């Protein structure tokens, strides 16, 4: 992956986690989803599932469609 992409990827990750937090605390009540082209968000979704299983994430906050 080119070095120029790395800051962009960190920005996307920060925005995704910020949205998840806003949903979790009730600040964002709109439906959102992720367009998962070539499995781009697969690892993030896997991380969120692991956090849910470990008790760090409420099931309700992890109910975001990814397709």
PDB file of N, CA and C in Angstrom:
ATOM      1  N   UNK A   1       0.849  -1.180   0.000  1.00  0.00           N
ATOM      2  CA  UNK A   1       0.000   0.000   0.000  1.00  0.00           C
ATOM      3  C   UNK A   1       0.895   1.244   0.000  1.00  0.00           C
ATOM      4  N   UNK A   2       0.605   2.186  -0.883  1.00  0.00           N
ATOM      5  CA  UNK A   2       1.422   3.403  -0.943  1.00  0.00           C
ATOM      6  C   UNK A   2       1.372   4.195   0.356  1.00  0.00           C
ATOM      7  N   UNK A   3       2.471   4.840   0.655  1.00  0.00           N
ATOM      8  CA  UNK A   3       2.571   5.636   1.876  1.00  0.00           C
ATOM      9  C   UNK A   3       1.529   6.748   1.914  1.00  0.00           C
ATOM     10  N   UNK A   4       1.166   7.298   0.763  1.00  0.00           N
ATOM     11  CA  UNK A   4       0.199   8.399   0.711  1.00  0.00           C
ATOM     12  C   UNK A   4      -1.179   7.981   1.216  1.00  0.00           C
ATOM     13  N   UNK A   5      -1.511   6.693   1.162  1.00  0.00           N
ATOM     14  CA  UNK A   5      -2.817   6.222   1.609  1.00  0.00           C
ATOM     15  C   UNK A   5      -2.918   6.108   3.124  1.00  0.00           C
ATOM     16  N   UNK A   6      -1.827   5.982   3.804  1.00  0.00           N
ATOM     17  CA  UNK A   6      -1.867   5.705   5.236  1.00  0.00           C
ATOM     18  C   UNK A   6      -2.601   6.763   6.054  1.00  0.00           C
ATOM     19  N   UNK A   7      -2.386   8.073   5.859  1.00  0.00           N
ATOM     20  CA  UNK A   7      -3.157   9.052   6.640  1.00  0.00           C
ATOM     21  C   UNK A   7      -4.655   8.959   6.362  1.00  0.00           C
ATOM     22  N   UNK A   8      -5.016   8.668   5.115  1.00  0.00           N
ATOM     23  CA  UNK A   8      -6.422   8.528   4.756  1.00  0.00           C
ATOM     24  C   UNK A   8      -7.051   7.368   5.520  1.00  0.00           C
ATOM     25  N   UNK A   9      -6.342   6.252   5.608  1.00  0.00           N
ATOM     26  CA  UNK A   9      -6.877   5.087   6.307  1.00  0.00           C
ATOM     27  C   UNK A   9      -7.080   5.371   7.785  1.00  0.00           C
ATOM     28  N   UNK A  10      -6.163   6.088   8.394  1.00  0.00           N
ATOM     29  CA  UNK A  10      -6.324   6.437   9.807  1.00  0.00           C
ATOM     30  C   UNK A  10      -7.525   7.348   9.999  1.00  0.00           C
ATOM     31  N   UNK A  11      -7.763   8.258   9.073  1.00  0.00           N
ATOM     32  CA  UNK A  11      -8.921   9.143   9.153  1.00  0.00           C
ATOM     33  C   UNK A  11     -10.226   8.381   9.040  1.00  0.00           C
ATOM     34  N   UNK A  12     -10.271   7.396   8.144  1.00  0.00           N
ATOM     35  CA  UNK A  12     -11.477   6.587   7.979  1.00  0.00           C
ATOM     36  C   UNK A  12     -11.753   5.799   9.253  1.00  0.00           C
ATOM     37  N   UNK A  13     -10.729   5.192   9.822  1.00  0.00           N
ATOM     38  CA  UNK A  13     -10.895   4.420  11.057  1.00  0.00           C
ATOM     39  C   UNK A  13     -11.423   5.306  12.178  1.00  0.00           C
ATOM     40  N   UNK A  14     -10.867   6.509  12.297  1.00  0.00           N
ATOM     41  CA  UNK A  14     -11.305   7.433  13.350  1.00  0.00           C
ATOM     42  C   UNK A  14     -12.768   7.823  13.153  1.00  0.00           C
ATOM     43  N   UNK A  15     -13.171   8.081  11.916  1.00  0.00           N
ATOM     44  CA  UNK A  15     -14.555   8.458  11.633  1.00  0.00           C
ATOM     45  C   UNK A  15     -15.519   7.310  11.936  1.00  0.00           C
ATOM     46  N   UNK A  16     -15.134   6.093  11.582  1.00  0.00           N
ATOM     47  CA  UNK A  16     -15.985   4.925  11.834  1.00  0.00           C
ATOM     48  C   UNK A  16     -16.197   4.736  13.331  1.00  0.00           C
ATOM     49  N   UNK A  17     -15.128   4.804  14.106  1.00  0.00           N
ATOM     50  CA  UNK A  17     -15.246   4.626  15.555  1.00  0.00           C
ATOM     51  C   UNK A  17     -16.036   5.772  16.176  1.00  0.00           C
ATOM     52  N   UNK A  18     -15.873   6.981  15.645  1.00  0.00           N
ATOM     53  CA  UNK A  18     -16.646   8.119  16.145  1.00  0.00           C
ATOM     54  C   UNK A  18     -18.143   7.913  15.899  1.00  0.00           C
ATOM     55  N   UNK A  19     -18.505   7.392  14.717  1.00  0.00           N
ATOM     56  CA  UNK A  19     -19.919   7.112  14.435  1.00  0.00           C
ATOM     57  C   UNK A  19     -20.450   6.028  15.358  1.00  0.00           C
ATOM     58  N   UNK A  20     -19.663   4.962  15.553  1.00  0.00           N
ATOM     59  CA  UNK A  20     -20.090   3.878  16.440  1.00  0.00           C
ATOM     60  C   UNK A  20     -20.335   4.410  17.856  1.00  0.00           C
ATOM     61  N   UNK A  21     -19.457   5.273  18.327  1.00  0.00           N
ATOM     62  CA  UNK A  21     -19.637   5.864  19.657  1.00  0.00           C
ATOM     63  C   UNK A  21     -20.872   6.744  19.719  1.00  0.00           C
ATOM     64  N   UNK A  22     -21.118   7.529  18.682  1.00  0.00           N
ATOM     65  CA  UNK A  22     -22.294   8.399  18.652  1.00  0.00           C
ATOM     66  C   UNK A  22     -23.578   7.575  18.701  1.00  0.00           C
ATOM     67  N   UNK A  23     -23.594   6.441  18.016  1.00  0.00           N
ATOM     68  CA  UNK A  23     -24.757   5.548  18.065  1.00  0.00           C
ATOM     69  C   UNK A  23     -24.896   4.959  19.466  1.00  0.00           C
ATOM     70  N   UNK A  24     -23.783   4.542  20.028  1.00  0.00           N
ATOM     71  CA  UNK A  24     -23.791   3.898  21.348  1.00  0.00           C
ATOM     72  C   UNK A  24     -24.351   4.809  22.433  1.00  0.00           C
ATOM     73  N   UNK A  25     -23.992   6.094  22.412  1.00  0.00           N
ATOM     74  CA  UNK A  25     -24.466   7.010  23.453  1.00  0.00           C
ATOM     75  C   UNK A  25     -25.773   7.701  23.081  1.00  0.00           C
ATOM     76  N   UNK A  26     -26.322   7.367  21.907  1.00  0.00           N
ATOM     77  CA  UNK A  26     -27.611   7.920  21.514  1.00  0.00           C
ATOM     78  C   UNK A  26     -27.530   9.282  20.858  1.00  0.00           C
ATOM     79  N   UNK A  27     -26.346   9.733  20.524  1.00  0.00           N
ATOM     80  CA  UNK A  27     -26.181  11.035  19.876  1.00  0.00           C
ATOM     81  C   UNK A  27     -26.581  10.975  18.400  1.00  0.00           C
ATOM     82  N   UNK A  28     -26.408   9.823  17.774  1.00  0.00           N
ATOM     83  CA  UNK A  28     -26.764   9.609  16.373  1.00  0.00           C
ATOM     84  C   UNK A  28     -27.851   8.552  16.328  1.00  0.00           C
ATOM     85  N   UNK A  29     -29.009   8.915  15.804  1.00  0.00           N
ATOM     86  CA  UNK A  29     -30.140   7.994  15.793  1.00  0.00           C
ATOM     87  C   UNK A  29     -30.521   7.620  14.357  1.00  0.00           C
ATOM     88  N   UNK A  30     -29.719   7.982  13.392  1.00  0.00           N
ATOM     89  CA  UNK A  30     -29.991   7.669  11.995  1.00  0.00           C
ATOM     90  C   UNK A  30     -29.400   6.309  11.640  1.00  0.00           C
ATOM     91  N   UNK A  31     -29.973   5.687  10.610  1.00  0.00           N
ATOM     92  CA  UNK A  31     -29.429   4.432  10.112  1.00  0.00           C
ATOM     93  C   UNK A  31     -28.196   4.724   9.268  1.00  0.00           C
ATOM     94  N   UNK A  32     -27.158   3.947   9.464  1.00  0.00           N
ATOM     95  CA  UNK A  32     -25.958   4.075   8.646  1.00  0.00           C
ATOM     96  C   UNK A  32     -25.545   2.689   8.181  1.00  0.00           C
ATOM     97  N   UNK A  33     -24.710   2.640   7.185  1.00  0.00           N
ATOM     98  CA  UNK A  33     -24.187   1.377   6.682  1.00  0.00           C
ATOM     99  C   UNK A  33     -22.832   1.611   6.043  1.00  0.00           C
ATOM    100  N   UNK A  34     -22.133   0.530   5.759  1.00  0.00           N
ATOM    101  CA  UNK A  34     -20.813   0.616   5.146  1.00  0.00           C
ATOM    102  C   UNK A  34     -20.822  -0.155   3.838  1.00  0.00           C
ATOM    103  N   UNK A  35     -20.280   0.434   2.798  1.00  0.00           N
ATOM    104  CA  UNK A  35     -20.095  -0.254   1.530  1.00  0.00           C
ATOM    105  C   UNK A  35     -18.746  -0.966   1.608  1.00  0.00           C
ATOM    106  N   UNK A  36     -18.796  -2.257   1.731  1.00  0.00           N
ATOM    107  CA  UNK A  36     -17.611  -3.067   2.015  1.00  0.00           C
ATOM    108  C   UNK A  36     -16.993  -3.598   0.718  1.00  0.00           C
ATOM    109  N   UNK A  37     -16.357  -2.720  -0.043  1.00  0.00           N
ATOM    110  CA  UNK A  37     -15.759  -3.108  -1.316  1.00  0.00           C
ATOM    111  C   UNK A  37     -14.486  -3.908  -1.062  1.00  0.00           C
ATOM    112  N   UNK A  38     -14.434  -5.089  -1.665  1.00  0.00           N
ATOM    113  CA  UNK A  38     -13.285  -6.000  -1.553  1.00  0.00           C
ATOM    114  C   UNK A  38     -12.915  -6.295  -0.101  1.00  0.00           C
ATOM    115  N   UNK A  39     -13.897  -6.320   0.789  1.00  0.00           N
ATOM    116  CA  UNK A  39     -13.657  -6.677   2.186  1.00  0.00           C
ATOM    117  C   UNK A  39     -12.920  -5.624   2.991  1.00  0.00           C
ATOM    118  N   UNK A  40     -13.009  -4.359   2.566  1.00  0.00           N
ATOM    119  CA  UNK A  40     -12.257  -3.277   3.206  1.00  0.00           C
ATOM    120  C   UNK A  40     -12.531  -3.189   4.708  1.00  0.00           C
ATOM    121  N   UNK A  41     -13.796  -3.367   5.121  1.00  0.00           N
ATOM    122  CA  UNK A  41     -14.162  -3.218   6.530  1.00  0.00           C
ATOM    123  C   UNK A  41     -14.252  -4.551   7.276  1.00  0.00           C
ATOM    124  N   UNK A  42     -13.876  -5.659   6.652  1.00  0.00           N
ATOM    125  CA  UNK A  42     -13.997  -6.976   7.293  1.00  0.00           C
ATOM    126  C   UNK A  42     -13.248  -7.060   8.620  1.00  0.00           C
ATOM    127  N   UNK A  43     -12.023  -6.585   8.647  1.00  0.00           N
ATOM    128  CA  UNK A  43     -11.229  -6.684   9.883  1.00  0.00           C
ATOM    129  C   UNK A  43     -11.786  -5.794  10.986  1.00  0.00           C
ATOM    130  N   UNK A  44     -12.274  -4.616  10.615  1.00  0.00           N
ATOM    131  CA  UNK A  44     -12.873  -3.735  11.618  1.00  0.00           C
ATOM    132  C   UNK A  44     -14.130  -4.381  12.195  1.00  0.00           C
ATOM    133  N   UNK A  45     -14.951  -4.965  11.330  1.00  0.00           N
ATOM    134  CA  UNK A  45     -16.166  -5.627  11.791  1.00  0.00           C
ATOM    135  C   UNK A  45     -15.815  -6.819  12.686  1.00  0.00           C
ATOM    136  N   UNK A  46     -14.762  -7.546  12.332  1.00  0.00           N
ATOM    137  CA  UNK A  46     -14.296  -8.663  13.154  1.00  0.00           C
ATOM    138  C   UNK A  46     -13.836  -8.171  14.527  1.00  0.00           C
ATOM    139  N   UNK A  47     -13.130  -7.037  14.548  1.00  0.00           N
ATOM    140  CA  UNK A  47     -12.697  -6.446  15.820  1.00  0.00           C
ATOM    141  C   UNK A  47     -13.904  -6.083  16.680  1.00  0.00           C
ATOM    142  N   UNK A  48     -14.920  -5.471  16.079  1.00  0.00           N
ATOM    143  CA  UNK A  48     -16.115  -5.086  16.836  1.00  0.00           C
ATOM    144  C   UNK A  48     -16.837  -6.319  17.375  1.00  0.00           C
ATOM    145  N   UNK A  49     -16.882  -7.396  16.582  1.00  0.00           N
ATOM    146  CA  UNK A  49     -17.495  -8.639  17.067  1.00  0.00           C
ATOM    147  C   UNK A  49     -16.709  -9.222  18.239  1.00  0.00           C
ATOM    148  N   UNK A  50     -15.382  -9.162  18.174  1.00  0.00           N
ATOM    149  CA  UNK A  50     -14.547  -9.650  19.278  1.00  0.00           C
ATOM    150  C   UNK A  50     -14.770  -8.821  20.538  1.00  0.00           C
ATOM    151  N   UNK A  51     -14.887  -7.499  20.369  1.00  0.00           N
ATOM    152  CA  UNK A  51     -15.156  -6.615  21.515  1.00  0.00           C
ATOM    153  C   UNK A  51     -16.516  -6.924  22.125  1.00  0.00           C
ATOM    154  N   UNK A  52     -17.491  -7.226  21.260  1.00  0.00           N
ATOM    155  CA  UNK A  52     -18.827  -7.580  21.743  1.00  0.00           C
ATOM    156  C   UNK A  52     -18.778  -8.867  22.556  1.00  0.00           C
ATOM    157  N   UNK A  53     -18.075  -9.878  22.052  1.00  0.00           N
ATOM    158  CA  UNK A  53     -17.980 -11.162  22.746  1.00  0.00           C
ATOM    159  C   UNK A  53     -17.239 -11.041  24.070  1.00  0.00           C
ATOM    160  N   UNK A  54     -16.287 -10.124  24.150  1.00  0.00           N
ATOM    161  CA  UNK A  54     -15.523  -9.919  25.386  1.00  0.00           C
ATOM    162  C   UNK A  54     -16.261  -9.034  26.386  1.00  0.00           C
ATOM    163  N   UNK A  55     -17.394  -8.461  25.964  1.00  0.00           N
ATOM    164  CA  UNK A  55     -18.185  -7.637  26.867  1.00  0.00           C
ATOM    165  C   UNK A  55     -17.832  -6.164  26.857  1.00  0.00           C
ATOM    166  N   UNK A  56     -17.001  -5.739  25.902  1.00  0.00           N
ATOM    167  CA  UNK A  56     -16.621  -4.335  25.824  1.00  0.00           C
ATOM    168  C   UNK A  56     -17.557  -3.512  24.950  1.00  0.00           C
ATOM    169  N   UNK A  57     -18.451  -4.167  24.216  1.00  0.00           N
ATOM    170  CA  UNK A  57     -19.347  -3.485  23.287  1.00  0.00           C
ATOM    171  C   UNK A  57     -20.748  -4.038  23.460  1.00  0.00           C
ATOM    172  N   UNK A  58     -21.718  -3.174  23.531  1.00  0.00           N
ATOM    173  CA  UNK A  58     -23.107  -3.599  23.658  1.00  0.00           C
ATOM    174  C   UNK A  58     -23.589  -4.098  22.296  1.00  0.00           C
ATOM    175  N   UNK A  59     -24.309  -5.204  22.282  1.00  0.00           N
ATOM    176  CA  UNK A  59     -24.789  -5.815  21.048  1.00  0.00           C
ATOM    177  C   UNK A  59     -25.535  -4.801  20.190  1.00  0.00           C
ATOM    178  N   UNK A  60     -26.363  -4.005  20.787  1.00  0.00           N
ATOM    179  CA  UNK A  60     -27.175  -3.013  20.097  1.00  0.00           C
ATOM    180  C   UNK A  60     -26.303  -2.024  19.315  1.00  0.00           C
ATOM    181  N   UNK A  61     -25.154  -1.670  19.823  1.00  0.00           N
ATOM    182  CA  UNK A  61     -24.276  -0.701  19.160  1.00  0.00           C
ATOM    183  C   UNK A  61     -23.530  -1.324  17.992  1.00  0.00           C
ATOM    184  N   UNK A  62     -23.504  -2.643  17.905  1.00  0.00           N
ATOM    185  CA  UNK A  62     -22.783  -3.321  16.833  1.00  0.00           C
ATOM    186  C   UNK A  62     -23.717  -3.721  15.703  1.00  0.00           C
ATOM    187  N   UNK A  63     -24.946  -3.275  15.718  1.00  0.00           N
ATOM    188  CA  UNK A  63     -25.933  -3.658  14.723  1.00  0.00           C
ATOM    189  C   UNK A  63     -25.929  -2.674  13.554  1.00  0.00           C
ATOM    190  N   UNK A  64     -24.798  -2.561  12.879  1.00  0.00           N
ATOM    191  CA  UNK A  64     -24.649  -1.651  11.751  1.00  0.00           C
ATOM    192  C   UNK A  64     -24.440  -2.492  10.503  1.00  0.00           C
ATOM    193  N   UNK A  65     -25.296  -2.316   9.484  1.00  0.00           N
ATOM    194  CA  UNK A  65     -25.164  -3.142   8.282  1.00  0.00           C
ATOM    195  C   UNK A  65     -23.886  -2.848   7.507  1.00  0.00           C
ATOM    196  N   UNK A  66     -23.216  -3.911   7.110  1.00  0.00           N
ATOM    197  CA  UNK A  66     -22.038  -3.805   6.256  1.00  0.00           C
ATOM    198  C   UNK A  66     -22.276  -4.717   5.070  1.00  0.00           C
ATOM    199  N   UNK A  67     -22.261  -4.160   3.878  1.00  0.00           N
ATOM    200  CA  UNK A  67     -22.475  -4.985   2.676  1.00  0.00           C
ATOM    201  C   UNK A  67     -21.544  -4.572   1.569  1.00  0.00           C
TER     202      UNK A  67
END
